[in-house]
PDB file of N, CA and C in Angstrom:
ATOM      1  N   MET A   1      -5.379 -18.847  -6.786  1.00  0.00           N
ATOM      2  CA  MET A   1      -5.267 -17.484  -7.230  1.00  0.00           C
ATOM      3  C   MET A   1      -3.805 -17.218  -7.581  1.00  0.00           C
ATOM      4  N   THR A   2      -3.593 -16.680  -8.751  1.00  0.00           N
ATOM      5  CA  THR A   2      -2.237 -16.366  -9.188  1.00  0.00           C
ATOM      6  C   THR A   2      -1.782 -15.045  -8.564  1.00  0.00           C
ATOM      7  N   PRO A   3      -0.481 -14.794  -8.535  1.00  0.00           N
ATOM      8  CA  PRO A   3      -0.003 -13.511  -8.004  1.00  0.00           C
ATOM      9  C   PRO A   3      -0.583 -12.300  -8.747  1.00  0.00           C
ATOM     10  N   THR A   4      -0.777 -12.442 -10.053  1.00  0.00           N
ATOM     11  CA  THR A   4      -1.349 -11.334 -10.828  1.00  0.00           C
ATOM     12  C   THR A   4      -2.785 -11.069 -10.412  1.00  0.00           C
ATOM     13  N   GLU A   5      -3.557 -12.135 -10.222  1.00  0.00           N
ATOM     14  CA  GLU A   5      -4.943 -11.959  -9.764  1.00  0.00           C
ATOM     15  C   GLU A   5      -4.978 -11.335  -8.380  1.00  0.00           C
ATOM     16  N   LEU A   6      -4.106 -11.802  -7.499  1.00  0.00           N
ATOM     17  CA  LEU A   6      -4.046 -11.243  -6.155  1.00  0.00           C
ATOM     18  C   LEU A   6      -3.695  -9.758  -6.208  1.00  0.00           C
ATOM     19  N   LYS A   7      -2.702  -9.419  -7.018  1.00  0.00           N
ATOM     20  CA  LYS A   7      -2.275  -8.028  -7.136  1.00  0.00           C
ATOM     21  C   LYS A   7      -3.425  -7.148  -7.636  1.00  0.00           C
ATOM     22  N   THR A   8      -4.160  -7.631  -8.634  1.00  0.00           N
ATOM     23  CA  THR A   8      -5.278  -6.867  -9.182  1.00  0.00           C
ATOM     24  C   THR A   8      -6.404  -6.729  -8.173  1.00  0.00           C
ATOM     25  N   ARG A   9      -6.766  -7.814  -7.531  1.00  0.00           N
ATOM     26  CA  ARG A   9      -7.875  -7.771  -6.565  1.00  0.00           C
ATOM     27  C   ARG A   9      -7.548  -6.878  -5.363  1.00  0.00           C
ATOM     28  N   VAL A  10      -6.343  -7.008  -4.844  1.00  0.00           N
ATOM     29  CA  VAL A  10      -5.969  -6.193  -3.687  1.00  0.00           C
ATOM     30  C   VAL A  10      -5.873  -4.722  -4.076  1.00  0.00           C
ATOM     31  N   THR A  11      -5.388  -4.450  -5.284  1.00  0.00           N
ATOM     32  CA  THR A  11      -5.313  -3.060  -5.733  1.00  0.00           C
ATOM     33  C   THR A  11      -6.699  -2.435  -5.781  1.00  0.00           C
ATOM     34  N   TRP A  12      -7.643  -3.128  -6.398  1.00  0.00           N
ATOM     35  CA  TRP A  12      -9.010  -2.595  -6.461  1.00  0.00           C
ATOM     36  C   TRP A  12      -9.645  -2.530  -5.075  1.00  0.00           C
ATOM     37  N   ALA A  13      -9.414  -3.551  -4.257  1.00  0.00           N
ATOM     38  CA  ALA A  13     -10.006  -3.584  -2.915  1.00  0.00           C
ATOM     39  C   ALA A  13      -9.378  -2.556  -1.988  1.00  0.00           C
ATOM     40  N   THR A  14      -8.278  -1.960  -2.379  1.00  0.00           N
ATOM     41  CA  THR A  14      -7.658  -0.885  -1.607  1.00  0.00           C
ATOM     42  C   THR A  14      -8.039   0.479  -2.168  1.00  0.00           C
ATOM     43  N   CYS A  15      -8.003   0.615  -3.484  1.00  0.00           N
ATOM     44  CA  CYS A  15      -8.238   1.929  -4.095  1.00  0.00           C
ATOM     45  C   CYS A  15      -9.664   2.432  -3.888  1.00  0.00           C
ATOM     46  N   VAL A  16     -10.638   1.576  -4.057  1.00  0.00           N
ATOM     47  CA  VAL A  16     -12.033   2.014  -3.934  1.00  0.00           C
ATOM     48  C   VAL A  16     -12.347   2.471  -2.504  1.00  0.00           C
ATOM     49  N   PRO A  17     -12.037   1.676  -1.465  1.00  0.00           N
ATOM     50  CA  PRO A  17     -12.295   2.172  -0.111  1.00  0.00           C
ATOM     51  C   PRO A  17     -11.453   3.390   0.266  1.00  0.00           C
ATOM     52  N   THR A  18     -10.230   3.474  -0.272  1.00  0.00           N
ATOM     53  CA  THR A  18      -9.388   4.636   0.017  1.00  0.00           C
ATOM     54  C   THR A  18     -10.025   5.907  -0.531  1.00  0.00           C
ATOM     55  N   LEU A  19     -10.550   5.844  -1.743  1.00  0.00           N
ATOM     56  CA  LEU A  19     -11.229   7.007  -2.311  1.00  0.00           C
ATOM     57  C   LEU A  19     -12.468   7.378  -1.507  1.00  0.00           C
ATOM     58  N   ALA A  20     -13.229   6.372  -1.088  1.00  0.00           N
ATOM     59  CA  ALA A  20     -14.415   6.650  -0.271  1.00  0.00           C
ATOM     60  C   ALA A  20     -14.019   7.254   1.073  1.00  0.00           C
ATOM     61  N   LEU A  21     -13.000   6.693   1.693  1.00  0.00           N
ATOM     62  CA  LEU A  21     -12.530   7.207   2.982  1.00  0.00           C
ATOM     63  C   LEU A  21     -11.991   8.630   2.842  1.00  0.00           C
ATOM     64  N   ALA A  22     -11.287   8.908   1.752  1.00  0.00           N
ATOM     65  CA  ALA A  22     -10.768  10.260   1.517  1.00  0.00           C
ATOM     66  C   ALA A  22     -11.907  11.255   1.317  1.00  0.00           C
ATOM     67  N   SER A  23     -12.951  10.834   0.645  1.00  0.00           N
ATOM     68  CA  SER A  23     -14.107  11.721   0.452  1.00  0.00           C
ATOM     69  C   SER A  23     -14.759  12.070   1.783  1.00  0.00           C
ATOM     70  N   VAL A  24     -14.943  11.074   2.618  1.00  0.00           N
ATOM     71  CA  VAL A  24     -15.535  11.309   3.941  1.00  0.00           C
ATOM     72  C   VAL A  24     -14.588  12.162   4.787  1.00  0.00           C
ATOM     73  N   ALA A  25     -13.304  11.889   4.713  1.00  0.00           N
ATOM     74  CA  ALA A  25     -12.328  12.657   5.486  1.00  0.00           C
ATOM     75  C   ALA A  25     -12.305  14.117   5.046  1.00  0.00           C
ATOM     76  N   ALA A  26     -12.419  14.362   3.744  1.00  0.00           N
ATOM     77  CA  ALA A  26     -12.430  15.747   3.251  1.00  0.00           C
ATOM     78  C   ALA A  26     -13.643  16.491   3.782  1.00  0.00           C
ATOM     79  N   TRP A  27     -14.761  15.809   3.831  1.00  0.00           N
ATOM     80  CA  TRP A  27     -15.998  16.429   4.298  1.00  0.00           C
ATOM     81  C   TRP A  27     -15.962  16.678   5.805  1.00  0.00           C
ATOM     82  N   LEU A  28     -15.446  15.702   6.557  1.00  0.00           N
ATOM     83  CA  LEU A  28     -15.461  15.810   8.015  1.00  0.00           C
ATOM     84  C   LEU A  28     -14.258  16.545   8.605  1.00  0.00           C
ATOM     85  N   ALA A  29     -13.071  16.314   8.053  1.00  0.00           N
ATOM     86  CA  ALA A  29     -11.855  16.804   8.710  1.00  0.00           C
ATOM     87  C   ALA A  29     -11.021  17.766   7.873  1.00  0.00           C
ATOM     88  N   GLY A  30     -11.316  17.913   6.614  1.00  0.00           N
ATOM     89  CA  GLY A  30     -10.569  18.872   5.806  1.00  0.00           C
ATOM     90  C   GLY A  30      -9.647  18.231   4.784  1.00  0.00           C
ATOM     91  N   ALA A  31      -9.055  19.087   3.978  1.00  0.00           N
ATOM     92  CA  ALA A  31      -8.250  18.633   2.844  1.00  0.00           C
ATOM     93  C   ALA A  31      -6.963  17.924   3.270  1.00  0.00           C
ATOM     94  N   ALA A  32      -6.325  18.385   4.337  1.00  0.00           N
ATOM     95  CA  ALA A  32      -5.049  17.771   4.742  1.00  0.00           C
ATOM     96  C   ALA A  32      -5.237  16.308   5.136  1.00  0.00           C
ATOM     97  N   VAL A  33      -6.320  16.004   5.805  1.00  0.00           N
ATOM     98  CA  VAL A  33      -6.592  14.618   6.198  1.00  0.00           C
ATOM     99  C   VAL A  33      -6.924  13.789   4.959  1.00  0.00           C
ATOM    100  N   ALA A  34      -7.711  14.367   4.053  1.00  0.00           N
ATOM    101  CA  ALA A  34      -8.059  13.645   2.821  1.00  0.00           C
ATOM    102  C   ALA A  34      -6.816  13.356   1.989  1.00  0.00           C
ATOM    103  N   TRP A  35      -5.914  14.331   1.862  1.00  0.00           N
ATOM    104  CA  TRP A  35      -4.662  14.101   1.138  1.00  0.00           C
ATOM    105  C   TRP A  35      -3.820  13.054   1.846  1.00  0.00           C
ATOM    106  N   GLY A  36      -3.860  13.038   3.166  1.00  0.00           N
ATOM    107  CA  GLY A  36      -3.141  12.014   3.915  1.00  0.00           C
ATOM    108  C   GLY A  36      -3.664  10.621   3.619  1.00  0.00           C
ATOM    109  N   VAL A  37      -4.982  10.481   3.578  1.00  0.00           N
ATOM    110  CA  VAL A  37      -5.592   9.187   3.264  1.00  0.00           C
ATOM    111  C   VAL A  37      -5.190   8.752   1.853  1.00  0.00           C
ATOM    112  N   LEU A  38      -5.291   9.675   0.903  1.00  0.00           N
ATOM    113  CA  LEU A  38      -4.920   9.338  -0.474  1.00  0.00           C
ATOM    114  C   LEU A  38      -3.443   8.977  -0.604  1.00  0.00           C
ATOM    115  N   ALA A  39      -2.578   9.748   0.051  1.00  0.00           N
ATOM    116  CA  ALA A  39      -1.142   9.462  -0.015  1.00  0.00           C
ATOM    117  C   ALA A  39      -0.822   8.129   0.643  1.00  0.00           C
ATOM    118  N   GLY A  40      -1.417   7.858   1.794  1.00  0.00           N
ATOM    119  CA  GLY A  40      -1.184   6.582   2.476  1.00  0.00           C
ATOM    120  C   GLY A  40      -1.650   5.404   1.651  1.00  0.00           C
ATOM    121  N   GLY A  41      -2.840   5.521   1.073  1.00  0.00           N
ATOM    122  CA  GLY A  41      -3.358   4.448   0.231  1.00  0.00           C
ATOM    123  C   GLY A  41      -2.512   4.232  -1.011  1.00  0.00           C
ATOM    124  N   ALA A  42      -2.090   5.333  -1.643  1.00  0.00           N
ATOM    125  CA  ALA A  42      -1.278   5.221  -2.865  1.00  0.00           C
ATOM    126  C   ALA A  42       0.086   4.598  -2.568  1.00  0.00           C
ATOM    127  N   LEU A  43       0.734   5.041  -1.514  1.00  0.00           N
ATOM    128  CA  LEU A  43       2.044   4.467  -1.174  1.00  0.00           C
ATOM    129  C   LEU A  43       1.916   2.999  -0.770  1.00  0.00           C
ATOM    130  N   ALA A  44       0.845   2.659  -0.067  1.00  0.00           N
ATOM    131  CA  ALA A  44       0.641   1.264   0.322  1.00  0.00           C
ATOM    132  C   ALA A  44       0.453   0.382  -0.911  1.00  0.00           C
ATOM    133  N   VAL A  45      -0.345   0.850  -1.868  1.00  0.00           N
ATOM    134  CA  VAL A  45      -0.581   0.064  -3.085  1.00  0.00           C
ATOM    135  C   VAL A  45       0.701  -0.063  -3.897  1.00  0.00           C
ATOM    136  N   LEU A  46       1.446   1.022  -4.032  1.00  0.00           N
ATOM    137  CA  LEU A  46       2.705   0.954  -4.781  1.00  0.00           C
ATOM    138  C   LEU A  46       3.691  -0.005  -4.127  1.00  0.00           C
ATOM    139  N   ASN A  47       3.791   0.022  -2.807  1.00  0.00           N
ATOM    140  CA  ASN A  47       4.674  -0.910  -2.101  1.00  0.00           C
ATOM    141  C   ASN A  47       4.224  -2.353  -2.292  1.00  0.00           C
ATOM    142  N   PHE A  48       2.922  -2.599  -2.203  1.00  0.00           N
ATOM    143  CA  PHE A  48       2.395  -3.946  -2.356  1.00  0.00           C
ATOM    144  C   PHE A  48       2.644  -4.472  -3.768  1.00  0.00           C
ATOM    145  N   ARG A  49       2.376  -3.642  -4.766  1.00  0.00           N
ATOM    146  CA  ARG A  49       2.577  -4.074  -6.146  1.00  0.00           C
ATOM    147  C   ARG A  49       4.055  -4.366  -6.424  1.00  0.00           C
ATOM    148  N   TRP A  50       4.949  -3.564  -5.852  1.00  0.00           N
ATOM    149  CA  TRP A  50       6.376  -3.827  -6.021  1.00  0.00           C
ATOM    150  C   TRP A  50       6.735  -5.156  -5.366  1.00  0.00           C
ATOM    151  N   LEU A  51       6.202  -5.381  -4.175  1.00  0.00           N
ATOM    152  CA  LEU A  51       6.506  -6.608  -3.456  1.00  0.00           C
ATOM    153  C   LEU A  51       6.038  -7.835  -4.213  1.00  0.00           C
ATOM    154  N   VAL A  52       4.830  -7.800  -4.750  1.00  0.00           N
ATOM    155  CA  VAL A  52       4.313  -8.942  -5.507  1.00  0.00           C
ATOM    156  C   VAL A  52       5.144  -9.169  -6.772  1.00  0.00           C
ATOM    157  N   ALA A  53       5.522  -8.091  -7.425  1.00  0.00           N
ATOM    158  CA  ALA A  53       6.290  -8.225  -8.665  1.00  0.00           C
ATOM    159  C   ALA A  53       7.690  -8.797  -8.432  1.00  0.00           C
ATOM    160  N   HIS A  54       8.261  -8.533  -7.260  1.00  0.00           N
ATOM    161  CA  HIS A  54       9.638  -8.951  -7.002  1.00  0.00           C
ATOM    162  C   HIS A  54       9.773 -10.065  -5.960  1.00  0.00           C
ATOM    163  N   ALA A  55       8.683 -10.626  -5.517  1.00  0.00           N
ATOM    164  CA  ALA A  55       8.748 -11.661  -4.482  1.00  0.00           C
ATOM    165  C   ALA A  55       9.448 -12.926  -4.970  1.00  0.00           C
ATOM    166  N   SER A  56       9.390 -13.197  -6.246  1.00  0.00           N
ATOM    167  CA  SER A  56      10.028 -14.414  -6.756  1.00  0.00           C
ATOM    168  C   SER A  56      11.549 -14.350  -6.644  1.00  0.00           C
ATOM    169  N   LEU A  57      12.118 -13.156  -6.552  1.00  0.00           N
ATOM    170  CA  LEU A  57      13.569 -13.047  -6.414  1.00  0.00           C
ATOM    171  C   LEU A  57      14.069 -13.598  -5.081  1.00  0.00           C
ATOM    172  N   VAL A  58      13.223 -13.575  -4.068  1.00  0.00           N
ATOM    173  CA  VAL A  58      13.629 -14.061  -2.758  1.00  0.00           C
ATOM    174  C   VAL A  58      13.840 -15.572  -2.778  1.00  0.00           C
ATOM    175  N   THR A  59      13.074 -16.266  -3.594  1.00  0.00           N
ATOM    176  CA  THR A  59      13.156 -17.726  -3.614  1.00  0.00           C
ATOM    177  C   THR A  59      14.364 -18.242  -4.371  1.00  0.00           C
ATOM    178  N   THR A  60      15.009 -17.394  -5.153  1.00  0.00           N
ATOM    179  CA  THR A  60      16.208 -17.827  -5.870  1.00  0.00           C
ATOM    180  C   THR A  60      17.424 -17.449  -5.049  1.00  0.00           C
ATOM    181  N   TRP A  61      18.297 -18.392  -4.809  1.00  0.00           N
ATOM    182  CA  TRP A  61      19.492 -18.143  -3.994  1.00  0.00           C
ATOM    183  C   TRP A  61      20.648 -17.783  -4.910  1.00  0.00           C
ATOM    184  N   SER A  62      20.605 -16.591  -5.420  1.00  0.00           N
ATOM    185  CA  SER A  62      21.677 -16.111  -6.289  1.00  0.00           C
ATOM    186  C   SER A  62      22.037 -14.693  -5.883  1.00  0.00           C
ATOM    187  N   ALA A  63      22.811 -14.055  -6.689  1.00  0.00           N
ATOM    188  CA  ALA A  63      23.194 -12.664  -6.406  1.00  0.00           C
ATOM    189  C   ALA A  63      21.978 -11.748  -6.451  1.00  0.00           C
ATOM    190  N   ALA A  64      20.944 -12.159  -7.175  1.00  0.00           N
ATOM    191  CA  ALA A  64      19.747 -11.331  -7.286  1.00  0.00           C
ATOM    192  C   ALA A  64      19.042 -11.185  -5.941  1.00  0.00           C
ATOM    193  N   SER A  65      19.104 -12.209  -5.093  1.00  0.00           N
ATOM    194  CA  SER A  65      18.418 -12.108  -3.801  1.00  0.00           C
ATOM    195  C   SER A  65      19.104 -11.082  -2.897  1.00  0.00           C
ATOM    196  N   GLY A  66      20.404 -10.956  -2.994  1.00  0.00           N
ATOM    197  CA  GLY A  66      21.108  -9.924  -2.237  1.00  0.00           C
ATOM    198  C   GLY A  66      20.768  -8.542  -2.752  1.00  0.00           C
ATOM    199  N   ALA A  67      20.649  -8.425  -4.062  1.00  0.00           N
ATOM    200  CA  ALA A  67      20.260  -7.138  -4.650  1.00  0.00           C
ATOM    201  C   ALA A  67      18.840  -6.787  -4.249  1.00  0.00           C
ATOM    202  N   TRP A  68      17.995  -7.808  -4.114  1.00  0.00           N
ATOM    203  CA  TRP A  68      16.603  -7.562  -3.735  1.00  0.00           C
ATOM    204  C   TRP A  68      16.528  -6.898  -2.369  1.00  0.00           C
ATOM    205  N   SER A  69      17.343  -7.354  -1.429  1.00  0.00           N
ATOM    206  CA  SER A  69      17.302  -6.768  -0.094  1.00  0.00           C
ATOM    207  C   SER A  69      17.823  -5.331  -0.095  1.00  0.00           C
ATOM    208  N   ILE A  70      18.793  -5.037  -0.920  1.00  0.00           N
ATOM    209  CA  ILE A  70      19.293  -3.658  -1.023  1.00  0.00           C
ATOM    210  C   ILE A  70      18.225  -2.763  -1.642  1.00  0.00           C
ATOM    211  N   ILE A  71      17.588  -3.247  -2.698  1.00  0.00           N
ATOM    212  CA  ILE A  71      16.532  -2.468  -3.353  1.00  0.00           C
ATOM    213  C   ILE A  71      15.358  -2.263  -2.402  1.00  0.00           C
ATOM    214  N   ALA A  72      15.032  -3.264  -1.592  1.00  0.00           N
ATOM    215  CA  ALA A  72      13.944  -3.121  -0.613  1.00  0.00           C
ATOM    216  C   ALA A  72      14.303  -2.048   0.406  1.00  0.00           C
ATOM    217  N   GLY A  73      15.553  -2.010   0.849  1.00  0.00           N
ATOM    218  CA  GLY A  73      15.975  -0.964   1.776  1.00  0.00           C
ATOM    219  C   GLY A  73      15.874   0.417   1.168  1.00  0.00           C
ATOM    220  N   VAL A  74      16.244   0.543  -0.096  1.00  0.00           N
ATOM    221  CA  VAL A  74      16.119   1.822  -0.793  1.00  0.00           C
ATOM    222  C   VAL A  74      14.648   2.211  -0.922  1.00  0.00           C
ATOM    223  N   ARG A  75      13.804   1.219  -1.201  1.00  0.00           N
ATOM    224  CA  ARG A  75      12.357   1.476  -1.314  1.00  0.00           C
ATOM    225  C   ARG A  75      11.811   2.007   0.003  1.00  0.00           C
ATOM    226  N   PHE A  76      12.203   1.420   1.110  1.00  0.00           N
ATOM    227  CA  PHE A  76      11.754   1.908   2.418  1.00  0.00           C
ATOM    228  C   PHE A  76      12.266   3.320   2.695  1.00  0.00           C
ATOM    229  N   LEU A  77      13.489   3.603   2.288  1.00  0.00           N
ATOM    230  CA  LEU A  77      14.040   4.940   2.468  1.00  0.00           C
ATOM    231  C   LEU A  77      13.262   5.970   1.647  1.00  0.00           C
ATOM    232  N   VAL A  78      12.933   5.630   0.413  1.00  0.00           N
ATOM    233  CA  VAL A  78      12.136   6.526  -0.429  1.00  0.00           C
ATOM    234  C   VAL A  78      10.765   6.745   0.198  1.00  0.00           C
ATOM    235  N   PHE A  79      10.149   5.685   0.699  1.00  0.00           N
ATOM    236  CA  PHE A  79       8.858   5.778   1.372  1.00  0.00           C
ATOM    237  C   PHE A  79       8.947   6.741   2.556  1.00  0.00           C
ATOM    238  N   LEU A  80       9.994   6.606   3.346  1.00  0.00           N
ATOM    239  CA  LEU A  80      10.188   7.458   4.517  1.00  0.00           C
ATOM    240  C   LEU A  80      10.380   8.918   4.115  1.00  0.00           C
ATOM    241  N   VAL A  81      11.152   9.155   3.090  1.00  0.00           N
ATOM    242  CA  VAL A  81      11.395  10.527   2.636  1.00  0.00           C
ATOM    243  C   VAL A  81      10.110  11.163   2.111  1.00  0.00           C
ATOM    244  N   ILE A  82       9.356  10.430   1.308  1.00  0.00           N
ATOM    245  CA  ILE A  82       8.104  10.973   0.773  1.00  0.00           C
ATOM    246  C   ILE A  82       7.131  11.269   1.901  1.00  0.00           C
ATOM    247  N   ALA A  83       6.922  10.302   2.793  1.00  0.00           N
ATOM    248  CA  ALA A  83       5.984  10.503   3.897  1.00  0.00           C
ATOM    249  C   ALA A  83       6.443  11.630   4.813  1.00  0.00           C
ATOM    250  N   GLY A  84       7.720  11.656   5.156  1.00  0.00           N
ATOM    251  CA  GLY A  84       8.239  12.698   6.033  1.00  0.00           C
ATOM    252  C   GLY A  84       8.108  14.083   5.427  1.00  0.00           C
ATOM    253  N   THR A  85       8.382  14.184   4.134  1.00  0.00           N
ATOM    254  CA  THR A  85       8.269  15.480   3.465  1.00  0.00           C
ATOM    255  C   THR A  85       6.826  15.965   3.434  1.00  0.00           C
ATOM    256  N   LEU A  86       5.897  15.073   3.111  1.00  0.00           N
ATOM    257  CA  LEU A  86       4.489  15.473   3.047  1.00  0.00           C
ATOM    258  C   LEU A  86       3.943  15.852   4.419  1.00  0.00           C
ATOM    259  N   ILE A  87       4.371  15.148   5.453  1.00  0.00           N
ATOM    260  CA  ILE A  87       3.911  15.487   6.801  1.00  0.00           C
ATOM    261  C   ILE A  87       4.569  16.776   7.284  1.00  0.00           C
ATOM    262  N   ALA A  88       5.875  16.933   7.054  1.00  0.00           N
ATOM    263  CA  ALA A  88       6.598  18.121   7.519  1.00  0.00           C
ATOM    264  C   ALA A  88       6.106  19.404   6.859  1.00  0.00           C
ATOM    265  N   THR A  89       5.716  19.319   5.598  1.00  0.00           N
ATOM    266  CA  THR A  89       5.226  20.508   4.899  1.00  0.00           C
ATOM    267  C   THR A  89       3.774  20.819   5.217  1.00  0.00           C
ATOM    268  N   GLY A  90       3.097  19.905   5.883  1.00  0.00           N
ATOM    269  CA  GLY A  90       1.694  20.120   6.213  1.00  0.00           C
ATOM    270  C   GLY A  90       0.748  19.793   5.071  1.00  0.00           C
ATOM    271  N   ALA A  91       1.270  19.183   4.016  1.00  0.00           N
ATOM    272  CA  ALA A  91       0.433  18.825   2.876  1.00  0.00           C
ATOM    273  C   ALA A  91      -0.553  17.715   3.221  1.00  0.00           C
ATOM    274  N   MET A  92      -0.212  16.924   4.228  1.00  0.00           N
ATOM    275  CA  MET A  92      -1.121  15.860   4.660  1.00  0.00           C
ATOM    276  C   MET A  92      -1.038  15.711   6.166  1.00  0.00           C
ATOM    277  N   HIS A  93      -2.100  15.176   6.720  1.00  0.00           N
ATOM    278  CA  HIS A  93      -2.177  14.949   8.157  1.00  0.00           C
ATOM    279  C   HIS A  93      -1.705  13.525   8.451  1.00  0.00           C
ATOM    280  N   PRO A  94      -0.899  13.339   9.511  1.00  0.00           N
ATOM    281  CA  PRO A  94      -0.372  11.999   9.788  1.00  0.00           C
ATOM    282  C   PRO A  94      -1.450  10.966  10.122  1.00  0.00           C
ATOM    283  N   VAL A  95      -2.535  11.384  10.748  1.00  0.00           N
ATOM    284  CA  VAL A  95      -3.601  10.425  11.066  1.00  0.00           C
ATOM    285  C   VAL A  95      -4.286   9.962   9.787  1.00  0.00           C
ATOM    286  N   GLY A  96      -4.499  10.881   8.861  1.00  0.00           N
ATOM    287  CA  GLY A  96      -5.060  10.498   7.568  1.00  0.00           C
ATOM    288  C   GLY A  96      -4.132   9.561   6.821  1.00  0.00           C
ATOM    289  N   PHE A  97      -2.845   9.827   6.903  1.00  0.00           N
ATOM    290  CA  PHE A  97      -1.854   8.971   6.259  1.00  0.00           C
ATOM    291  C   PHE A  97      -1.915   7.554   6.819  1.00  0.00           C
ATOM    292  N   LEU A  98      -1.981   7.434   8.132  1.00  0.00           N
ATOM    293  CA  LEU A  98      -2.076   6.107   8.757  1.00  0.00           C
ATOM    294  C   LEU A  98      -3.383   5.411   8.392  1.00  0.00           C
ATOM    295  N   ALA A  99      -4.454   6.181   8.299  1.00  0.00           N
ATOM    296  CA  ALA A  99      -5.734   5.593   7.892  1.00  0.00           C
ATOM    297  C   ALA A  99      -5.633   5.037   6.471  1.00  0.00           C
ATOM    298  N   GLY A 100      -4.972   5.781   5.588  1.00  0.00           N
ATOM    299  CA  GLY A 100      -4.794   5.304   4.223  1.00  0.00           C
ATOM    300  C   GLY A 100      -3.917   4.065   4.149  1.00  0.00           C
ATOM    301  N   LEU A 101      -2.873   4.011   4.963  1.00  0.00           N
ATOM    302  CA  LEU A 101      -2.011   2.830   5.002  1.00  0.00           C
ATOM    303  C   LEU A 101      -2.752   1.600   5.533  1.00  0.00           C
ATOM    304  N   THR A 102      -3.700   1.813   6.414  1.00  0.00           N
ATOM    305  CA  THR A 102      -4.415   0.714   7.059  1.00  0.00           C
ATOM    306  C   THR A 102      -5.383   0.009   6.123  1.00  0.00           C
ATOM    307  N   VAL A 103      -5.790   0.652   5.054  1.00  0.00           N
ATOM    308  CA  VAL A 103      -6.749   0.041   4.133  1.00  0.00           C
ATOM    309  C   VAL A 103      -6.147  -1.185   3.452  1.00  0.00           C
ATOM    310  N   LEU A 104      -4.873  -1.135   3.103  1.00  0.00           N
ATOM    311  CA  LEU A 104      -4.247  -2.251   2.378  1.00  0.00           C
ATOM    312  C   LEU A 104      -4.239  -3.561   3.171  1.00  0.00           C
ATOM    313  N   PRO A 105      -3.801  -3.583   4.426  1.00  0.00           N
ATOM    314  CA  PRO A 105      -3.838  -4.868   5.138  1.00  0.00           C
ATOM    315  C   PRO A 105      -5.248  -5.451   5.254  1.00  0.00           C
ATOM    316  N   CYS A 106      -6.225  -4.586   5.405  1.00  0.00           N
ATOM    317  CA  CYS A 106      -7.615  -5.066   5.451  1.00  0.00           C
ATOM    318  C   CYS A 106      -8.002  -5.703   4.119  1.00  0.00           C
ATOM    319  N   ALA A 107      -7.580  -5.087   3.014  1.00  0.00           N
ATOM    320  CA  ALA A 107      -7.876  -5.640   1.691  1.00  0.00           C
ATOM    321  C   ALA A 107      -7.157  -6.966   1.469  1.00  0.00           C
ATOM    322  N   VAL A 108      -5.921  -7.074   1.929  1.00  0.00           N
ATOM    323  CA  VAL A 108      -5.169  -8.325   1.774  1.00  0.00           C
ATOM    324  C   VAL A 108      -5.843  -9.455   2.547  1.00  0.00           C
ATOM    325  N   VAL A 109      -6.255  -9.176   3.774  1.00  0.00           N
ATOM    326  CA  VAL A 109      -6.942 -10.198   4.574  1.00  0.00           C
ATOM    327  C   VAL A 109      -8.263 -10.589   3.919  1.00  0.00           C
ATOM    328  N   ALA A 110      -9.019  -9.609   3.462  1.00  0.00           N
ATOM    329  CA  ALA A 110     -10.306  -9.899   2.820  1.00  0.00           C
ATOM    330  C   ALA A 110     -10.119 -10.750   1.567  1.00  0.00           C
ATOM    331  N   GLN A 111      -9.130 -10.425   0.757  1.00  0.00           N
ATOM    332  CA  GLN A 111      -8.893 -11.212  -0.456  1.00  0.00           C
ATOM    333  C   GLN A 111      -8.349 -12.598  -0.128  1.00  0.00           C
ATOM    334  N   GLY A 112      -7.568 -12.719   0.921  1.00  0.00           N
ATOM    335  CA  GLY A 112      -7.095 -14.034   1.358  1.00  0.00           C
ATOM    336  C   GLY A 112      -8.238 -14.915   1.825  1.00  0.00           C
ATOM    337  N   LEU A 113      -9.153 -14.336   2.593  1.00  0.00           N
ATOM    338  CA  LEU A 113     -10.326 -15.091   3.023  1.00  0.00           C
ATOM    339  C   LEU A 113     -11.213 -15.477   1.848  1.00  0.00           C
ATOM    340  N   ARG A 114     -11.338 -14.569   0.909  1.00  0.00           N
ATOM    341  CA  ARG A 114     -12.129 -14.853  -0.289  1.00  0.00           C
ATOM    342  C   ARG A 114     -11.504 -16.008  -1.088  1.00  0.00           C
ATOM    343  N   ALA A 115     -10.185 -15.969  -1.243  1.00  0.00           N
ATOM    344  CA  ALA A 115      -9.492 -17.027  -1.982  1.00  0.00           C
ATOM    345  C   ALA A 115      -9.607 -18.367  -1.257  1.00  0.00           C
ATOM    346  N   ALA A 116      -9.533 -18.341   0.063  1.00  0.00           N
ATOM    347  CA  ALA A 116      -9.656 -19.593   0.830  1.00  0.00           C
ATOM    348  C   ALA A 116     -11.049 -20.191   0.687  1.00  0.00           C
ATOM    349  N   ARG A 117     -12.040 -19.336   0.613  1.00  0.00           N
ATOM    350  CA  ARG A 117     -13.416 -19.813   0.460  1.00  0.00           C
ATOM    351  C   ARG A 117     -13.631 -20.393  -0.935  1.00  0.00           C
ATOM    352  N   GLU A 118     -12.964 -19.830  -1.954  1.00  0.00           N
ATOM    353  CA  GLU A 118     -13.135 -20.281  -3.326  1.00  0.00           C
ATOM    354  C   GLU A 118     -12.397 -21.575  -3.621  1.00  0.00           C
ATOM    355  N   GLU A 119     -11.318 -21.869  -2.899  1.00  0.00           N
ATOM    356  CA  GLU A 119     -10.540 -23.083  -3.156  1.00  0.00           C
ATOM    357  C   GLU A 119     -11.348 -24.310  -2.764  1.00  0.00           C
ATOM    358  N   PRO A 120     -11.228 -25.380  -3.572  1.00  0.00           N
ATOM    359  CA  PRO A 120     -11.981 -26.612  -3.255  1.00  0.00           C
ATOM    360  C   PRO A 120     -11.413 -27.363  -2.088  1.00  0.00           C
TER     361      PRO A 120
END
């Protein structure tokens, strides 16, 4: 499986369950939890896609690898600011946010197992 295939499969395997989970959360717990699930899922997918797109920079031992670590730190800071702002304003519920973040690792494991089964 190529990195592009992995990125596409994990994105779909995260977005579809996140939307379903947000729908159930909206029905059972309200809009703030549903927005939390959607925000968590969206931020997780954006972080994953960035990581896959820039992972090759880590393997090169040049000035670019040092820049990669600085950019990763900035990315984490932006993630923290967005999540903190949405939680502090009450736009999303923190439990919903964590539920949305949790969908991505499950999708990565599922796609990894699928790829292992497909390999000869």
